[in-house]
Amino acid sequence: MAKKHALTTRLWHWVNAVAIIVLFMTGLNISNAHRNLYWGHYGFDPADAWLHVIRFPGWATIPGHYNLALARDWHITMAWPFGVGVLFIWVAMLWNGHFRRDLMTKPKDWTPGAVIASIKAHSGAGAGAHHGYNPVQKILYGGVFGVLLPLILLTGLAISPGSGGYAPWLIDLFGGRQSARSLHFIAAWGIFGFFVIHILLALTDWRLILEMFTGGKRPAEGAAEAPPPAPPVPAATDEGVPAHG
């Protein structure tokens, strides 16, 4: 029986999990250096900021104390496996059919009825039976893979040192370096929100976590669930009348 999760998907999942944790926590440390967000090409005056960010405590940052230089070193270092991983998983998903088979949505998946049915199925008695991705999962995963991951990668490149020399068009694409920084911040918290929900849902069924190590098993295409057993037929007497105890 084919694996539910291909080896490429499992490898990317765990490498990406480590990369995102380090990137997020070092990003909070970097945010503490200047806690205001702006739109456009320039921004320094707090009066022009659209958002004043809180100062994040040491337990939420890497390193555990304010150190902009070290946080940037870690951030840039982990950006490499993250960026290569995003490219890798997209190539793998298109190559092995995972995107087409499991994540590509259809118009009917976006209807309110499909969303409500997905939520009920996930919280109902049959929640433990995993036969594929429901419409809500397809939409969420599609948003992460198709929007948030590429967005945070491209905005990160736009705000990186020297981007004005090697990719000025990327800065202009987002409407300026400060706009790219704001979008980078928004995408980071979007991924954090998905990360938290993902963990909480996985903890509701330990088999989901185990499958990300073993690969799990994919049901055969078109396989139908076994019908419920027929009720027992009462034994008959010689006269053909059912016997009763």
Foldseek 3Di string as FASTA:
>chain_A
DDFLADPLRLVLVVLLVVLLQLLLQLVLLLCLVPQFFAAAADDDDNVRGPDGHDRDALVSHVNSDRDNVVSVVSNVVSLVSLVVSLVSVVVVCVVVVVCVPAQDDDPVLPDPVQVVVQVCCCPDPNVVDDQGDGSVRSVLVCCVSVPLSVLLSLLCCLLDPPCCPVPVVSQVVQRHNSSSVVSNVVSSVVVVVVVVVVVVSCVVDVVSVVCSVVRHDHDDPPDDDDDDDDDDDADADPVRHGDDD
